[in-house]
Amino acid sequence: MVEFIDNLTQLLAALSGSVLSGVFYLRSRRLPYFLLCCFYACFGFGLLYWLLYALLVTDAPPMFYVSDIGWISCFLFLLLLQNSLADKEEQNLRSWTPWLALAVEIPLTAYFIRIGDPLYNLIVGALMAAMLWLAIRGLVWQSKQPRPNPGKRFFHLVMIGYIALENCLWLSSYPWAGDTLANPYFWFDFAVTASMLALFPAVRKAVRA
């Protein structure tokens, strides 16, 4: 029951984010809002399929779920969103600090591949590493500016928080600790939902900059 409430809450958050960002895109025609809308929509469709699959096909063997395709797509849109908000000068930044993303994501990806689907975890691990790399690069770039942009800095911090929470969520999913609030997985998932909602105001602040 807790898992169903958790997933339903996340689905409503994705739907709300998709509608809001879609409305802002239609008003402003700004690319970041369109990409954010696609992120929420792909995440929501993946989660909706997962819910229906879990309810209707409970005895099916493990497979490469349609949900996985939706979640991979949503990460791709998030990566494109980060790139769309980066200045040309920021894209040419030379710094060793963003490479810390690899030091974080490579061991985690290796662990997830060991306990789960190799192809899916390899793809998601590469996307997570790329998103974390861009977020760290953005923070480094802002720190080098005489007048840092608070909107873009906030966006990069929200992205780092979202990626960190996703990794914590996956780590807490194995071994499974049961369908109760004593399972840390659900607390991390509620935090992921909150970080997803925070992406909308973060993108608004970054676009206004």
N, C-alpha and C. Protein backbone atom coordinates (compact mmCIF):
# COMPACT_ATOMS: atom_id res chain seq x y z
N MET A 1 0.82 -1.21 0.00
CA MET A 1 0.00 0.00 0.00
C MET A 1 0.86 1.26 0.00
N VAL A 2 1.94 1.23 0.81
CA VAL A 2 2.84 2.38 0.87
C VAL A 2 3.48 2.62 -0.49
N GLU A 3 3.86 1.53 -1.17
CA GLU A 3 4.48 1.66 -2.48
C GLU A 3 3.51 2.26 -3.49
N PHE A 4 2.24 1.86 -3.43
CA PHE A 4 1.25 2.40 -4.35
C PHE A 4 1.06 3.90 -4.11
N ILE A 5 0.96 4.31 -2.84
CA ILE A 5 0.81 5.74 -2.51
C ILE A 5 2.03 6.52 -2.97
N ASP A 6 3.21 5.95 -2.76
CA ASP A 6 4.45 6.58 -3.18
C ASP A 6 4.46 6.80 -4.69
N ASN A 7 4.14 5.75 -5.45
CA ASN A 7 4.14 5.85 -6.91
C ASN A 7 3.06 6.80 -7.42
N LEU A 8 1.89 6.77 -6.78
CA LEU A 8 0.81 7.65 -7.19
C LEU A 8 1.19 9.12 -6.94
N THR A 9 1.82 9.39 -5.80
CA THR A 9 2.26 10.74 -5.49
C THR A 9 3.27 11.23 -6.53
N GLN A 10 4.19 10.34 -6.91
CA GLN A 10 5.19 10.71 -7.90
C GLN A 10 4.56 10.92 -9.28
N LEU A 11 3.56 10.12 -9.60
CA LEU A 11 2.86 10.28 -10.87
C LEU A 11 2.14 11.63 -10.92
N LEU A 12 1.49 12.02 -9.84
CA LEU A 12 0.81 13.31 -9.79
C LEU A 12 1.80 14.46 -9.89
N ALA A 13 2.97 14.29 -9.26
CA ALA A 13 4.00 15.32 -9.34
C ALA A 13 4.50 15.47 -10.78
N ALA A 14 4.71 14.34 -11.46
CA ALA A 14 5.17 14.38 -12.85
C ALA A 14 4.11 15.02 -13.76
N LEU A 15 2.84 14.69 -13.52
CA LEU A 15 1.75 15.26 -14.31
C LEU A 15 1.67 16.77 -14.10
N SER A 16 1.76 17.19 -12.84
CA SER A 16 1.70 18.62 -12.52
C SER A 16 2.86 19.37 -13.17
N GLY A 17 4.07 18.78 -13.06
CA GLY A 17 5.23 19.43 -13.65
C GLY A 17 5.13 19.52 -15.16
N SER A 18 4.59 18.46 -15.78
CA SER A 18 4.44 18.46 -17.24
C SER A 18 3.46 19.54 -17.69
N VAL A 19 2.34 19.65 -16.99
CA VAL A 19 1.34 20.66 -17.36
C VAL A 19 1.89 22.07 -17.16
N LEU A 20 2.52 22.32 -16.02
CA LEU A 20 3.05 23.66 -15.73
C LEU A 20 4.12 24.07 -16.73
N SER A 21 5.08 23.19 -16.96
CA SER A 21 6.16 23.53 -17.89
C SER A 21 5.63 23.64 -19.32
N GLY A 22 4.61 22.82 -19.66
CA GLY A 22 4.00 22.94 -20.98
C GLY A 22 3.31 24.28 -21.17
N VAL A 23 2.61 24.74 -20.15
CA VAL A 23 1.94 26.04 -20.22
C VAL A 23 2.97 27.17 -20.37
N PHE A 24 4.06 27.09 -19.60
CA PHE A 24 5.09 28.12 -19.68
C PHE A 24 5.79 28.09 -21.04
N TYR A 25 5.92 26.90 -21.63
CA TYR A 25 6.52 26.84 -22.96
C TYR A 25 5.60 27.49 -23.99
N LEU A 26 4.30 27.22 -23.92
CA LEU A 26 3.36 27.81 -24.88
C LEU A 26 3.32 29.33 -24.75
N ARG A 27 3.55 29.84 -23.54
CA ARG A 27 3.53 31.28 -23.33
C ARG A 27 4.81 31.96 -23.80
N SER A 28 5.94 31.31 -23.54
CA SER A 28 7.23 31.95 -23.80
C SER A 28 7.99 31.40 -25.00
N ARG A 29 7.66 30.15 -25.39
CA ARG A 29 8.39 29.46 -26.47
C ARG A 29 9.87 29.31 -26.14
N ARG A 30 10.18 29.17 -24.86
CA ARG A 30 11.57 28.97 -24.44
C ARG A 30 11.86 27.47 -24.40
N LEU A 31 12.97 27.08 -25.04
CA LEU A 31 13.32 25.67 -25.16
C LEU A 31 13.44 24.94 -23.82
N PRO A 32 14.02 25.54 -22.77
CA PRO A 32 14.14 24.80 -21.50
C PRO A 32 12.80 24.32 -20.95
N TYR A 33 11.75 25.10 -21.13
CA TYR A 33 10.43 24.67 -20.65
C TYR A 33 9.93 23.46 -21.43
N PHE A 34 10.19 23.45 -22.74
CA PHE A 34 9.77 22.31 -23.56
C PHE A 34 10.51 21.04 -23.12
N LEU A 35 11.82 21.15 -22.91
CA LEU A 35 12.61 20.00 -22.49
C LEU A 35 12.19 19.52 -21.11
N LEU A 36 11.88 20.47 -20.23
CA LEU A 36 11.41 20.09 -18.89
C LEU A 36 10.06 19.38 -18.97
N CYS A 37 9.19 19.86 -19.84
CA CYS A 37 7.89 19.21 -20.05
C CYS A 37 8.09 17.78 -20.53
N CYS A 38 9.02 17.57 -21.46
CA CYS A 38 9.30 16.23 -21.97
C CYS A 38 9.87 15.34 -20.87
N PHE A 39 10.71 15.91 -20.01
CA PHE A 39 11.25 15.14 -18.89
C PHE A 39 10.13 14.62 -18.00
N TYR A 40 9.25 15.53 -17.58
CA TYR A 40 8.14 15.13 -16.71
C TYR A 40 7.23 14.11 -17.41
N ALA A 41 6.95 14.34 -18.69
CA ALA A 41 6.04 13.47 -19.42
C ALA A 41 6.61 12.06 -19.55
N CYS A 42 7.88 11.96 -19.92
CA CYS A 42 8.50 10.64 -20.07
C CYS A 42 8.58 9.92 -18.73
N PHE A 43 8.92 10.66 -17.69
CA PHE A 43 8.96 10.05 -16.36
C PHE A 43 7.58 9.56 -15.96
N GLY A 44 6.57 10.40 -16.20
CA GLY A 44 5.21 10.03 -15.84
C GLY A 44 4.68 8.84 -16.62
N PHE A 45 4.95 8.80 -17.93
CA PHE A 45 4.50 7.66 -18.74
C PHE A 45 5.19 6.38 -18.30
N GLY A 46 6.48 6.47 -17.99
CA GLY A 46 7.19 5.29 -17.50
C GLY A 46 6.62 4.78 -16.20
N LEU A 47 6.31 5.71 -15.30
CA LEU A 47 5.75 5.32 -14.00
C LEU A 47 4.34 4.78 -14.14
N LEU A 48 3.54 5.37 -15.03
CA LEU A 48 2.18 4.88 -15.26
C LEU A 48 2.20 3.45 -15.79
N TYR A 49 3.10 3.19 -16.75
CA TYR A 49 3.21 1.82 -17.27
C TYR A 49 3.63 0.87 -16.17
N TRP A 50 4.58 1.30 -15.32
CA TRP A 50 5.04 0.45 -14.22
C TRP A 50 3.89 0.10 -13.28
N LEU A 51 3.08 1.10 -12.95
CA LEU A 51 1.94 0.86 -12.06
C LEU A 51 0.96 -0.12 -12.68
N LEU A 52 0.61 0.09 -13.94
CA LEU A 52 -0.33 -0.81 -14.61
C LEU A 52 0.25 -2.21 -14.74
N TYR A 53 1.53 -2.29 -15.06
CA TYR A 53 2.19 -3.59 -15.22
C TYR A 53 2.19 -4.35 -13.89
N ALA A 54 2.51 -3.64 -12.80
CA ALA A 54 2.57 -4.27 -11.50
C ALA A 54 1.20 -4.74 -11.03
N LEU A 55 0.15 -3.99 -11.40
CA LEU A 55 -1.20 -4.35 -10.97
C LEU A 55 -1.81 -5.47 -11.81
N LEU A 56 -1.52 -5.48 -13.12
CA LEU A 56 -2.20 -6.39 -14.03
C LEU A 56 -1.39 -7.62 -14.41
N VAL A 57 -0.06 -7.54 -14.33
CA VAL A 57 0.77 -8.66 -14.78
C VAL A 57 1.73 -9.03 -13.66
N THR A 58 1.18 -9.44 -12.54
CA THR A 58 2.00 -9.68 -11.35
C THR A 58 2.88 -10.92 -11.44
N ASP A 59 2.54 -11.89 -12.32
CA ASP A 59 3.30 -13.13 -12.38
C ASP A 59 4.21 -13.21 -13.60
N ALA A 60 4.45 -12.06 -14.28
CA ALA A 60 5.28 -12.07 -15.48
C ALA A 60 6.75 -12.16 -15.10
N PRO A 61 7.58 -12.82 -15.95
CA PRO A 61 9.01 -12.92 -15.68
C PRO A 61 9.71 -11.58 -15.88
N PRO A 62 10.93 -11.38 -15.32
CA PRO A 62 11.66 -10.13 -15.53
C PRO A 62 11.92 -9.88 -17.01
N MET A 63 11.85 -8.60 -17.41
CA MET A 63 12.06 -8.24 -18.80
C MET A 63 12.50 -6.79 -18.87
N PHE A 64 12.92 -6.36 -20.05
CA PHE A 64 13.27 -4.96 -20.26
C PHE A 64 11.98 -4.18 -20.40
N TYR A 65 11.55 -3.55 -19.33
CA TYR A 65 10.23 -2.94 -19.28
C TYR A 65 10.15 -1.71 -20.17
N VAL A 66 8.95 -1.42 -20.63
CA VAL A 66 8.68 -0.17 -21.34
C VAL A 66 9.00 1.01 -20.41
N SER A 67 8.77 0.83 -19.12
CA SER A 67 9.09 1.88 -18.15
C SER A 67 10.55 2.29 -18.23
N ASP A 68 11.44 1.32 -18.44
CA ASP A 68 12.86 1.63 -18.53
C ASP A 68 13.15 2.57 -19.69
N ILE A 69 12.47 2.34 -20.81
CA ILE A 69 12.65 3.22 -21.98
C ILE A 69 12.18 4.63 -21.64
N GLY A 70 11.05 4.73 -20.94
CA GLY A 70 10.54 6.05 -20.54
C GLY A 70 11.50 6.77 -19.62
N TRP A 71 12.08 6.05 -18.66
CA TRP A 71 12.99 6.68 -17.70
C TRP A 71 14.31 7.05 -18.36
N ILE A 72 14.80 6.23 -19.27
CA ILE A 72 16.01 6.59 -20.02
C ILE A 72 15.74 7.85 -20.84
N SER A 73 14.56 7.93 -21.46
CA SER A 73 14.20 9.11 -22.25
C SER A 73 14.13 10.36 -21.39
N CYS A 74 13.60 10.23 -20.19
CA CYS A 74 13.46 11.41 -19.33
C CYS A 74 14.84 11.93 -18.92
N PHE A 75 15.80 11.03 -18.69
CA PHE A 75 17.15 11.46 -18.35
C PHE A 75 17.82 12.14 -19.54
N LEU A 76 17.54 11.66 -20.75
CA LEU A 76 18.08 12.30 -21.95
C LEU A 76 17.56 13.74 -22.08
N PHE A 77 16.27 13.92 -21.82
CA PHE A 77 15.71 15.27 -21.89
C PHE A 77 16.30 16.17 -20.80
N LEU A 78 16.56 15.61 -19.65
CA LEU A 78 17.15 16.39 -18.57
C LEU A 78 18.58 16.81 -18.94
N LEU A 79 19.30 15.91 -19.60
CA LEU A 79 20.65 16.23 -20.06
C LEU A 79 20.61 17.35 -21.11
N LEU A 80 19.67 17.26 -22.03
CA LEU A 80 19.50 18.32 -23.03
C LEU A 80 19.11 19.64 -22.39
N LEU A 81 18.30 19.57 -21.34
CA LEU A 81 17.90 20.77 -20.61
C LEU A 81 19.12 21.45 -19.99
N GLN A 82 19.98 20.66 -19.36
CA GLN A 82 21.20 21.24 -18.78
C GLN A 82 22.04 21.92 -19.85
N ASN A 83 22.19 21.26 -20.97
CA ASN A 83 23.00 21.82 -22.05
C ASN A 83 22.40 23.11 -22.61
N SER A 84 21.07 23.17 -22.66
CA SER A 84 20.41 24.37 -23.20
C SER A 84 20.58 25.58 -22.30
N LEU A 85 20.82 25.36 -21.01
CA LEU A 85 20.97 26.46 -20.06
C LEU A 85 22.42 26.87 -19.85
N ALA A 86 23.35 26.18 -20.50
CA ALA A 86 24.77 26.47 -20.34
C ALA A 86 25.21 27.56 -21.33
N ASP A 87 25.92 28.56 -20.83
CA ASP A 87 26.48 29.58 -21.70
C ASP A 87 27.58 28.99 -22.58
N LYS A 88 27.87 29.65 -23.70
CA LYS A 88 28.93 29.17 -24.59
C LYS A 88 30.28 29.17 -23.87
N GLU A 89 30.51 30.19 -23.06
CA GLU A 89 31.77 30.25 -22.32
C GLU A 89 31.86 29.12 -21.31
N GLU A 90 30.72 28.80 -20.69
CA GLU A 90 30.70 27.70 -19.73
C GLU A 90 31.00 26.37 -20.41
N GLN A 91 30.51 26.18 -21.61
CA GLN A 91 30.74 24.94 -22.34
C GLN A 91 32.21 24.73 -22.68
N ASN A 92 32.98 25.84 -22.73
CA ASN A 92 34.41 25.75 -23.04
C ASN A 92 35.27 25.73 -21.78
N LEU A 93 34.64 25.64 -20.62
CA LEU A 93 35.39 25.64 -19.36
C LEU A 93 36.33 24.45 -19.27
N ARG A 94 37.56 24.69 -18.84
CA ARG A 94 38.53 23.63 -18.62
C ARG A 94 38.81 23.54 -17.12
N SER A 95 38.37 22.47 -16.53
CA SER A 95 38.56 22.27 -15.09
C SER A 95 38.55 20.77 -14.79
N TRP A 96 39.31 20.37 -13.78
CA TRP A 96 39.33 18.96 -13.39
C TRP A 96 38.15 18.61 -12.48
N THR A 97 37.55 19.60 -11.85
CA THR A 97 36.52 19.33 -10.85
C THR A 97 35.32 18.53 -11.39
N PRO A 98 34.79 18.85 -12.57
CA PRO A 98 33.64 18.07 -13.06
C PRO A 98 33.91 16.58 -13.21
N TRP A 99 35.20 16.21 -13.37
CA TRP A 99 35.52 14.80 -13.53
C TRP A 99 35.27 14.00 -12.26
N LEU A 100 35.01 14.70 -11.15
CA LEU A 100 34.62 14.00 -9.93
C LEU A 100 33.33 13.20 -10.14
N ALA A 101 32.54 13.63 -11.13
CA ALA A 101 31.30 12.90 -11.43
C ALA A 101 31.60 11.45 -11.79
N LEU A 102 32.69 11.22 -12.51
CA LEU A 102 33.05 9.85 -12.88
C LEU A 102 33.47 9.04 -11.66
N ALA A 103 34.18 9.70 -10.74
CA ALA A 103 34.62 9.01 -9.52
C ALA A 103 33.43 8.56 -8.69
N VAL A 104 32.32 9.30 -8.79
CA VAL A 104 31.11 8.94 -8.05
C VAL A 104 30.30 7.88 -8.80
N GLU A 105 30.08 8.12 -10.08
CA GLU A 105 29.12 7.29 -10.83
C GLU A 105 29.68 5.97 -11.33
N ILE A 106 30.98 5.88 -11.62
CA ILE A 106 31.51 4.62 -12.13
C ILE A 106 31.39 3.48 -11.11
N PRO A 107 31.80 3.67 -9.84
CA PRO A 107 31.60 2.58 -8.86
C PRO A 107 30.14 2.23 -8.65
N LEU A 108 29.27 3.25 -8.61
CA LEU A 108 27.85 2.99 -8.43
C LEU A 108 27.28 2.21 -9.61
N THR A 109 27.67 2.60 -10.82
CA THR A 109 27.19 1.90 -12.01
C THR A 109 27.65 0.44 -12.02
N ALA A 110 28.91 0.22 -11.64
CA ALA A 110 29.43 -1.15 -11.57
C ALA A 110 28.64 -1.99 -10.58
N TYR A 111 28.28 -1.38 -9.45
CA TYR A 111 27.50 -2.09 -8.44
C TYR A 111 26.09 -2.40 -8.96
N PHE A 112 25.45 -1.42 -9.60
CA PHE A 112 24.10 -1.63 -10.10
C PHE A 112 24.08 -2.67 -11.22
N ILE A 113 25.11 -2.67 -12.06
CA ILE A 113 25.20 -3.69 -13.11
C ILE A 113 25.32 -5.08 -12.49
N ARG A 114 26.04 -5.16 -11.39
CA ARG A 114 26.26 -6.46 -10.73
C ARG A 114 24.97 -7.04 -10.16
N ILE A 115 24.05 -6.17 -9.70
CA ILE A 115 22.83 -6.67 -9.06
C ILE A 115 21.59 -6.55 -9.93
N GLY A 116 21.71 -5.88 -11.08
CA GLY A 116 20.52 -5.65 -11.91
C GLY A 116 20.78 -5.88 -13.38
N ASP A 117 19.94 -5.31 -14.21
CA ASP A 117 20.07 -5.46 -15.66
C ASP A 117 21.30 -4.70 -16.16
N PRO A 118 22.25 -5.38 -16.80
CA PRO A 118 23.50 -4.72 -17.21
C PRO A 118 23.30 -3.59 -18.21
N LEU A 119 22.48 -3.82 -19.25
CA LEU A 119 22.31 -2.81 -20.29
C LEU A 119 21.64 -1.56 -19.75
N TYR A 120 20.55 -1.74 -19.02
CA TYR A 120 19.82 -0.59 -18.48
C TYR A 120 20.69 0.21 -17.53
N ASN A 121 21.37 -0.48 -16.62
CA ASN A 121 22.19 0.22 -15.63
C ASN A 121 23.41 0.89 -16.26
N LEU A 122 23.93 0.31 -17.33
CA LEU A 122 25.05 0.94 -18.02
C LEU A 122 24.60 2.25 -18.69
N ILE A 123 23.44 2.21 -19.35
CA ILE A 123 22.93 3.41 -20.01
C ILE A 123 22.61 4.49 -18.99
N VAL A 124 21.88 4.13 -17.93
CA VAL A 124 21.51 5.10 -16.91
C VAL A 124 22.74 5.64 -16.19
N GLY A 125 23.71 4.77 -15.92
CA GLY A 125 24.93 5.21 -15.27
C GLY A 125 25.68 6.25 -16.10
N ALA A 126 25.74 6.02 -17.42
CA ALA A 126 26.40 6.98 -18.30
C ALA A 126 25.66 8.31 -18.31
N LEU A 127 24.32 8.26 -18.33
CA LEU A 127 23.53 9.49 -18.33
C LEU A 127 23.67 10.24 -17.00
N MET A 128 23.67 9.50 -15.90
CA MET A 128 23.84 10.13 -14.59
C MET A 128 25.21 10.79 -14.47
N ALA A 129 26.23 10.12 -14.98
CA ALA A 129 27.58 10.69 -14.93
C ALA A 129 27.64 11.98 -15.75
N ALA A 130 27.00 11.97 -16.93
CA ALA A 130 27.01 13.15 -17.79
C ALA A 130 26.25 14.31 -17.13
N MET A 131 25.09 14.01 -16.52
CA MET A 131 24.31 15.06 -15.87
C MET A 131 25.04 15.63 -14.67
N LEU A 132 25.66 14.76 -13.87
CA LEU A 132 26.42 15.24 -12.71
C LEU A 132 27.61 16.05 -13.16
N TRP A 133 28.27 15.64 -14.25
CA TRP A 133 29.41 16.37 -14.79
C TRP A 133 28.99 17.79 -15.19
N LEU A 134 27.86 17.92 -15.87
CA LEU A 134 27.39 19.23 -16.30
C LEU A 134 26.99 20.10 -15.11
N ALA A 135 26.36 19.47 -14.11
CA ALA A 135 25.94 20.24 -12.93
C ALA A 135 27.15 20.77 -12.16
N ILE A 136 28.16 19.94 -11.98
CA ILE A 136 29.37 20.39 -11.29
C ILE A 136 30.08 21.46 -12.10
N ARG A 137 30.16 21.25 -13.42
CA ARG A 137 30.79 22.26 -14.28
C ARG A 137 30.07 23.60 -14.17
N GLY A 138 28.74 23.55 -14.11
CA GLY A 138 27.98 24.79 -13.98
C GLY A 138 28.27 25.51 -12.68
N LEU A 139 28.38 24.77 -11.58
CA LEU A 139 28.71 25.39 -10.30
C LEU A 139 30.12 25.98 -10.32
N VAL A 140 31.06 25.25 -10.91
CA VAL A 140 32.43 25.76 -11.01
C VAL A 140 32.46 27.05 -11.84
N TRP A 141 31.71 27.04 -12.95
CA TRP A 141 31.68 28.22 -13.80
C TRP A 141 31.10 29.42 -13.06
N GLN A 142 30.02 29.20 -12.32
CA GLN A 142 29.42 30.30 -11.57
C GLN A 142 30.35 30.83 -10.49
N SER A 143 31.11 29.93 -9.88
CA SER A 143 32.04 30.37 -8.82
C SER A 143 33.18 31.22 -9.37
N LYS A 144 33.44 31.11 -10.67
CA LYS A 144 34.52 31.88 -11.29
C LYS A 144 34.05 33.24 -11.80
N GLN A 145 32.75 33.47 -11.76
CA GLN A 145 32.22 34.73 -12.27
C GLN A 145 32.29 35.82 -11.20
N PRO A 146 32.61 37.05 -11.61
CA PRO A 146 32.63 38.16 -10.63
C PRO A 146 31.24 38.42 -10.04
N ARG A 147 30.21 38.16 -10.85
CA ARG A 147 28.84 38.32 -10.37
C ARG A 147 28.07 37.04 -10.70
N PRO A 148 28.15 36.04 -9.81
CA PRO A 148 27.48 34.75 -10.09
C PRO A 148 25.98 34.92 -10.28
N ASN A 149 25.44 34.06 -11.12
CA ASN A 149 24.01 34.08 -11.40
C ASN A 149 23.30 33.16 -10.39
N PRO A 150 22.52 33.73 -9.46
CA PRO A 150 21.89 32.89 -8.43
C PRO A 150 20.88 31.90 -9.00
N GLY A 151 20.19 32.27 -10.10
CA GLY A 151 19.21 31.38 -10.70
C GLY A 151 19.85 30.12 -11.25
N LYS A 152 20.92 30.28 -12.00
CA LYS A 152 21.59 29.12 -12.58
C LYS A 152 22.31 28.30 -11.51
N ARG A 153 22.86 28.97 -10.51
CA ARG A 153 23.50 28.24 -9.42
C ARG A 153 22.47 27.38 -8.68
N PHE A 154 21.28 27.92 -8.46
CA PHE A 154 20.22 27.16 -7.81
C PHE A 154 19.82 25.95 -8.66
N PHE A 155 19.73 26.14 -9.98
CA PHE A 155 19.40 25.04 -10.87
C PHE A 155 20.43 23.92 -10.77
N HIS A 156 21.70 24.26 -10.78
CA HIS A 156 22.75 23.24 -10.70
C HIS A 156 22.70 22.50 -9.36
N LEU A 157 22.41 23.22 -8.30
CA LEU A 157 22.31 22.58 -6.98
C LEU A 157 21.12 21.62 -6.92
N VAL A 158 20.01 22.02 -7.52
CA VAL A 158 18.83 21.13 -7.56
C VAL A 158 19.15 19.89 -8.37
N MET A 159 19.87 20.05 -9.48
CA MET A 159 20.26 18.90 -10.30
C MET A 159 21.15 17.94 -9.52
N ILE A 160 22.11 18.47 -8.80
CA ILE A 160 22.99 17.62 -8.00
C ILE A 160 22.19 16.89 -6.93
N GLY A 161 21.26 17.60 -6.30
CA GLY A 161 20.41 16.97 -5.30
C GLY A 161 19.55 15.87 -5.89
N TYR A 162 18.99 16.12 -7.07
CA TYR A 162 18.16 15.10 -7.74
C TYR A 162 18.98 13.86 -8.06
N ILE A 163 20.17 14.04 -8.61
CA ILE A 163 21.02 12.91 -8.97
C ILE A 163 21.45 12.13 -7.73
N ALA A 164 21.82 12.86 -6.68
CA ALA A 164 22.23 12.20 -5.44
C ALA A 164 21.09 11.37 -4.85
N LEU A 165 19.89 11.92 -4.86
CA LEU A 165 18.74 11.21 -4.31
C LEU A 165 18.38 9.99 -5.14
N GLU A 166 18.49 10.11 -6.46
CA GLU A 166 18.24 8.94 -7.32
C GLU A 166 19.22 7.82 -6.99
N ASN A 167 20.48 8.15 -6.82
CA ASN A 167 21.47 7.13 -6.49
C ASN A 167 21.18 6.50 -5.12
N CYS A 168 20.82 7.33 -4.15
CA CYS A 168 20.48 6.81 -2.82
C CYS A 168 19.25 5.91 -2.89
N LEU A 169 18.29 6.30 -3.73
CA LEU A 169 17.08 5.49 -3.91
C LEU A 169 17.44 4.11 -4.43
N TRP A 170 18.27 4.05 -5.46
CA TRP A 170 18.64 2.76 -6.05
C TRP A 170 19.45 1.92 -5.07
N LEU A 171 20.33 2.58 -4.30
CA LEU A 171 21.13 1.84 -3.32
C LEU A 171 20.25 1.23 -2.24
N SER A 172 19.20 1.96 -1.85
CA SER A 172 18.33 1.49 -0.77
C SER A 172 17.34 0.42 -1.24
N SER A 173 17.27 0.19 -2.56
CA SER A 173 16.30 -0.79 -3.06
C SER A 173 16.79 -2.23 -2.95
N TYR A 174 18.06 -2.42 -2.63
CA TYR A 174 18.60 -3.78 -2.53
C TYR A 174 19.48 -3.88 -1.28
N PRO A 175 19.20 -4.81 -0.39
CA PRO A 175 18.05 -5.72 -0.43
C PRO A 175 16.76 -5.00 -0.04
N TRP A 176 15.64 -5.52 -0.55
CA TRP A 176 14.34 -4.91 -0.30
C TRP A 176 13.95 -5.10 1.16
N ALA A 177 13.56 -3.99 1.82
CA ALA A 177 13.29 -4.02 3.26
C ALA A 177 11.80 -4.04 3.59
N GLY A 178 10.94 -4.30 2.59
CA GLY A 178 9.52 -4.43 2.86
C GLY A 178 8.71 -3.22 2.48
N ASP A 179 7.41 -3.41 2.36
CA ASP A 179 6.48 -2.38 1.93
C ASP A 179 5.91 -1.63 3.13
N THR A 180 6.80 -1.03 3.91
CA THR A 180 6.38 -0.22 5.07
C THR A 180 7.26 1.03 5.12
N LEU A 181 6.85 1.99 5.94
CA LEU A 181 7.62 3.22 6.06
C LEU A 181 8.95 3.01 6.79
N ALA A 182 9.16 1.81 7.33
CA ALA A 182 10.46 1.50 7.92
C ALA A 182 11.52 1.28 6.84
N ASN A 183 11.08 1.09 5.61
CA ASN A 183 11.99 0.91 4.48
C ASN A 183 12.51 2.28 4.03
N PRO A 184 13.83 2.52 4.10
CA PRO A 184 14.37 3.83 3.70
C PRO A 184 14.13 4.17 2.23
N TYR A 185 13.86 3.15 1.43
CA TYR A 185 13.60 3.37 0.01
C TYR A 185 12.47 4.38 -0.20
N PHE A 186 11.40 4.25 0.59
CA PHE A 186 10.25 5.12 0.40
C PHE A 186 10.57 6.56 0.78
N TRP A 187 11.38 6.76 1.82
CA TRP A 187 11.76 8.11 2.21
C TRP A 187 12.61 8.77 1.13
N PHE A 188 13.53 7.99 0.55
CA PHE A 188 14.32 8.52 -0.55
C PHE A 188 13.44 8.83 -1.77
N ASP A 189 12.44 7.98 -2.00
CA ASP A 189 11.58 8.20 -3.16
C ASP A 189 10.71 9.44 -2.97
N PHE A 190 10.23 9.66 -1.76
CA PHE A 190 9.49 10.90 -1.50
C PHE A 190 10.39 12.12 -1.69
N ALA A 191 11.66 11.98 -1.29
CA ALA A 191 12.61 13.08 -1.49
C ALA A 191 12.89 13.30 -2.97
N VAL A 192 12.95 12.21 -3.75
CA VAL A 192 13.11 12.34 -5.20
C VAL A 192 11.93 13.09 -5.80
N THR A 193 10.73 12.79 -5.33
CA THR A 193 9.53 13.49 -5.81
C THR A 193 9.64 14.99 -5.52
N ALA A 194 10.10 15.32 -4.30
CA ALA A 194 10.25 16.74 -3.94
C ALA A 194 11.30 17.41 -4.82
N SER A 195 12.39 16.70 -5.13
CA SER A 195 13.43 17.29 -5.98
C SER A 195 12.94 17.47 -7.41
N MET A 196 12.08 16.54 -7.87
CA MET A 196 11.48 16.70 -9.19
C MET A 196 10.62 17.96 -9.26
N LEU A 197 9.84 18.18 -8.21
CA LEU A 197 9.01 19.39 -8.16
C LEU A 197 9.87 20.64 -8.10
N ALA A 198 11.02 20.54 -7.42
CA ALA A 198 11.92 21.70 -7.30
C ALA A 198 12.56 22.06 -8.64
N LEU A 199 12.58 21.12 -9.58
CA LEU A 199 13.18 21.41 -10.88
C LEU A 199 12.43 22.52 -11.63
N PHE A 200 11.11 22.58 -11.46
CA PHE A 200 10.35 23.59 -12.18
C PHE A 200 10.73 25.01 -11.74
N PRO A 201 10.67 25.34 -10.44
CA PRO A 201 11.10 26.69 -10.05
C PRO A 201 12.58 26.93 -10.33
N ALA A 202 13.39 25.88 -10.29
CA ALA A 202 14.82 26.04 -10.59
C ALA A 202 15.03 26.44 -12.05
N VAL A 203 14.29 25.81 -12.96
CA VAL A 203 14.39 26.17 -14.37
C VAL A 203 13.85 27.57 -14.61
N ARG A 204 12.78 27.92 -13.92
CA ARG A 204 12.23 29.29 -14.05
C ARG A 204 13.27 30.32 -13.67
N LYS A 205 13.95 30.08 -12.56
CA LYS A 205 14.98 31.04 -12.11
C LYS A 205 16.13 31.10 -13.12
N ALA A 206 16.51 29.94 -13.65
CA ALA A 206 17.62 29.91 -14.60
C ALA A 206 17.24 30.59 -15.92
N VAL A 207 16.00 30.40 -16.37
CA VAL A 207 15.56 31.02 -17.63
C VAL A 207 15.46 32.53 -17.50
N ARG A 208 15.04 32.98 -16.33
CA ARG A 208 14.90 34.43 -16.10
C ARG A 208 16.25 35.13 -16.07
N ALA A 209 17.32 34.35 -15.80
CA ALA A 209 18.64 34.96 -15.62
C ALA A 209 19.12 35.64 -16.90
